[in-house]
Protein backbone atom coordinates (compact mmCIF):
# COMPACT_ATOMS: atom_id res chain seq x y z
CA MET A 1 168.42 211.53 132.65
CA ASP A 2 166.84 212.53 135.93
CA PHE A 3 165.20 210.14 138.39
CA SER A 4 162.44 210.76 140.84
CA CYS A 5 161.43 208.61 143.81
CA GLU A 6 158.67 209.22 146.28
CA ILE A 7 159.17 208.83 150.03
CA ARG A 8 155.87 208.56 151.92
CA LEU A 9 155.73 209.91 155.48
CA ASN A 10 153.12 209.36 158.22
CA ASN A 11 151.43 206.72 155.99
CA ARG A 12 151.23 203.82 158.45
CA GLY A 13 151.52 205.85 161.68
CA ILE A 14 153.16 208.89 163.28
CA ASN A 15 156.66 209.48 161.87
CA SER A 16 156.52 206.32 159.73
CA ILE A 17 158.75 206.22 156.62
CA ASP A 18 157.94 204.28 153.42
CA LEU A 19 160.76 204.05 150.98
CA PRO A 20 160.69 202.90 147.41
CA GLU A 21 163.05 200.40 145.88
CA PRO A 22 166.78 201.46 145.52
CA VAL A 23 167.31 204.11 143.00
CA ARG A 24 169.61 203.81 140.02
CA ALA A 25 171.36 206.75 138.57
CA ALA A 26 174.29 207.51 136.27
CA PRO A 27 177.01 210.19 136.49
CA GLY A 28 175.61 213.61 135.73
CA ASP A 29 172.05 212.61 136.79
CA THR A 30 169.87 214.32 139.30
CA VAL A 31 167.83 212.29 141.77
CA PHE A 32 164.75 214.03 143.03
CA LEU A 33 163.46 212.87 146.34
CA ARG A 34 159.75 213.69 146.48
CA LEU A 35 158.60 213.75 150.17
CA VAL A 36 154.86 213.13 150.54
CA ASN A 37 153.52 213.71 154.06
CA GLU A 38 150.12 212.04 154.62
CA GLY A 39 149.62 213.16 158.19
CA SER A 40 150.46 216.12 160.53
CA PRO A 41 153.48 218.29 159.62
CA LEU A 42 156.82 216.92 160.76
CA HIS A 43 160.53 217.66 160.93
CA LEU A 44 162.69 215.44 158.71
CA THR A 45 166.40 215.01 158.38
CA LEU A 46 168.06 213.67 155.17
CA SER A 47 171.69 212.55 155.58
CA ALA A 48 174.07 211.01 153.15
CA ALA A 49 177.17 210.46 155.12
CA ASP A 50 178.91 208.00 152.72
CA ALA A 51 177.99 209.92 149.55
CA GLY A 52 180.95 212.34 149.45
CA ARG A 53 182.57 210.84 146.34
CA PHE A 54 179.24 210.87 144.35
CA THR A 55 177.58 214.09 145.31
CA ASP A 56 177.93 217.34 147.23
CA PHE A 57 174.67 216.57 149.14
CA CYS A 58 175.43 215.81 152.78
CA HIS A 59 172.69 216.80 155.19
CA GLU A 60 169.40 218.61 155.17
CA ASN A 61 166.80 219.42 157.79
CA LEU A 62 163.29 220.02 156.49
CA PHE A 63 159.91 220.88 157.77
CA VAL A 64 157.40 218.94 155.57
CA ASP A 65 153.76 220.17 155.72
CA THR A 66 152.36 218.27 152.65
CA THR A 67 155.02 217.71 149.99
CA ALA A 68 158.61 218.75 149.33
CA GLU A 69 161.18 217.91 146.75
CA VAL A 70 164.94 217.67 147.33
CA PRO A 71 167.31 217.34 144.36
CA ILE A 72 170.51 215.35 144.72
CA PHE A 73 172.98 216.03 141.94
CA ILE A 74 175.35 213.18 141.04
CA ARG A 75 178.79 214.42 139.83
CA LYS A 76 179.70 213.82 136.27
CA ASP A 77 183.15 212.35 136.92
CA VAL A 78 182.35 209.49 139.36
CA PHE A 79 182.95 205.80 139.14
CA PRO A 80 180.21 203.25 139.73
CA GLY A 81 179.27 202.51 143.30
CA THR A 82 176.55 202.86 145.94
CA PHE A 83 175.62 205.20 148.74
CA ASP A 84 172.72 205.52 151.21
CA ILE A 85 170.47 208.41 151.97
CA GLU A 86 169.21 208.14 155.58
CA VAL A 87 165.76 209.47 156.25
CA ILE A 88 165.17 210.40 159.95
CA THR A 89 161.89 211.41 161.54
CA GLY A 90 160.63 211.83 165.06
CA TYR A 91 163.88 213.57 166.11
CA GLY A 92 165.87 210.40 165.56
CA THR A 93 163.34 207.77 166.67
CA ASN A 94 162.49 206.48 163.11
CA ARG A 95 165.22 205.84 160.58
CA ALA A 96 165.25 204.33 157.09
CA ARG A 97 167.92 204.05 154.34
CA LEU A 98 167.33 204.59 150.73
CA GLY A 99 169.95 202.95 148.51
CA VAL A 100 171.26 204.87 145.50
CA ALA A 101 173.22 202.79 142.92
CA VAL A 102 175.41 204.89 140.55
CA SER A 103 176.21 202.91 137.44
CA GLU A 104 178.21 203.76 134.35
CA ARG A 105 176.45 205.89 131.84
CA PRO A 106 175.33 203.67 128.98
CA LYS A 107 177.57 204.12 125.96
CA PRO A 108 175.86 205.27 122.88
CA PRO A 109 175.63 202.54 120.27
CA ALA A 110 178.65 202.51 118.03
CA GLU A 111 177.93 203.82 114.56
CA GLU A 112 178.53 201.32 111.87
CA PRO A 113 181.07 202.46 109.42
CA PRO A 114 179.45 203.64 106.25
CA LEU A 115 179.44 201.11 103.42
CA PRO A 116 182.03 202.00 100.76
CA VAL A 117 180.52 203.70 97.80
CA PRO A 118 181.33 201.84 94.64
CA VAL A 119 183.69 203.92 92.65
CA ALA A 120 183.21 203.98 88.91
CA ALA A 121 186.01 202.30 87.12
CA GLU A 122 188.69 204.69 85.90
CA PRO A 123 188.21 205.47 82.29
CA HIS A 124 190.86 203.77 80.37
CA LEU A 125 191.85 203.74 76.75
CA PRO A 126 190.65 200.51 75.25
CA VAL A 127 193.67 198.72 73.87
CA ILE A 128 192.03 196.71 71.05
CA PRO A 129 190.02 199.50 69.41
CA PHE A 130 192.95 201.81 69.67
CA ALA A 131 195.32 199.25 68.05
CA VAL A 132 192.79 198.56 65.33
CA VAL A 133 192.29 202.19 64.51
CA ALA A 134 196.09 202.76 64.49
CA ALA A 135 196.69 199.79 62.16
CA ALA A 136 193.93 200.87 59.89
CA ALA A 137 195.26 204.44 59.74
CA LEU A 138 198.80 203.24 58.99
CA LEU A 139 197.49 201.02 56.21
CA PHE A 140 195.50 203.98 54.66
CA ILE A 141 198.59 206.13 54.83
CA ILE A 142 200.58 203.53 52.97
CA TYR A 143 197.76 203.14 50.42
CA ALA A 144 197.70 206.99 49.94
CA ALA A 145 201.51 206.96 49.38
CA THR A 146 201.70 203.82 47.10
CA LYS A 147 198.25 203.69 45.62
CA MET A 148 198.26 199.91 45.96
CA VAL A 149 194.72 198.52 46.36
CA ALA A 150 195.95 195.72 48.71
CA PHE A 151 196.68 198.22 51.45
CA GLU A 152 193.20 199.78 51.07
CA ALA A 153 191.52 196.35 51.34
CA ALA A 154 193.74 195.45 54.29
CA ALA A 155 192.77 198.64 56.08
CA PHE A 156 189.08 197.85 55.46
CA ILE A 157 189.38 194.22 56.76
CA VAL A 158 191.25 195.48 59.89
CA LEU A 159 188.47 197.97 60.58
CA VAL A 160 185.79 195.30 60.22
CA VAL A 161 187.66 192.78 62.52
CA GLY A 162 188.10 195.64 65.02
CA VAL A 163 184.41 196.34 65.12
CA LEU A 164 183.62 192.59 65.47
CA ALA A 165 186.24 192.17 68.19
CA ALA A 166 184.91 195.19 70.15
CA TRP A 167 181.35 193.83 69.79
CA PHE A 168 182.05 190.22 71.04
CA LEU A 169 184.82 190.97 73.57
CA ARG A 170 182.85 193.78 75.49
CA PRO A 171 182.70 193.32 79.37
């Protein structure tokens, strides 16, 4: 994110300097100094003697007729801290310092882990119906081999009990 601040010159008198509140920036940002001259043209010096660990900007001499804009690039790999930009007019007679506070870049909000998707239960072979069908089949096989009606009736009863058990014991 880039920040812009306005420095007003010659507003209250010849070579006067009106600075905004201290500027906040983060690593990788650009601070734009917008110089607005409200009087006759003037020579201006911008100096950032203690800014070496934050930016490559050090010193600039400008002639400001009406407006000018000076970008100050903040390095991406810096730690939090502060530095001052000194604004000098009138060939050194008027000086003012603009504070720049470099803070840590706000961390993006942590993404919440996605909610687990309910997994359908593994299909399983139902034990009771399988046992009932197996018992009924065995009884019908015995009935077919022996032709005894008791085995046929038992197979029928087992099948009916299996259907009722499946109906009443369902989840």
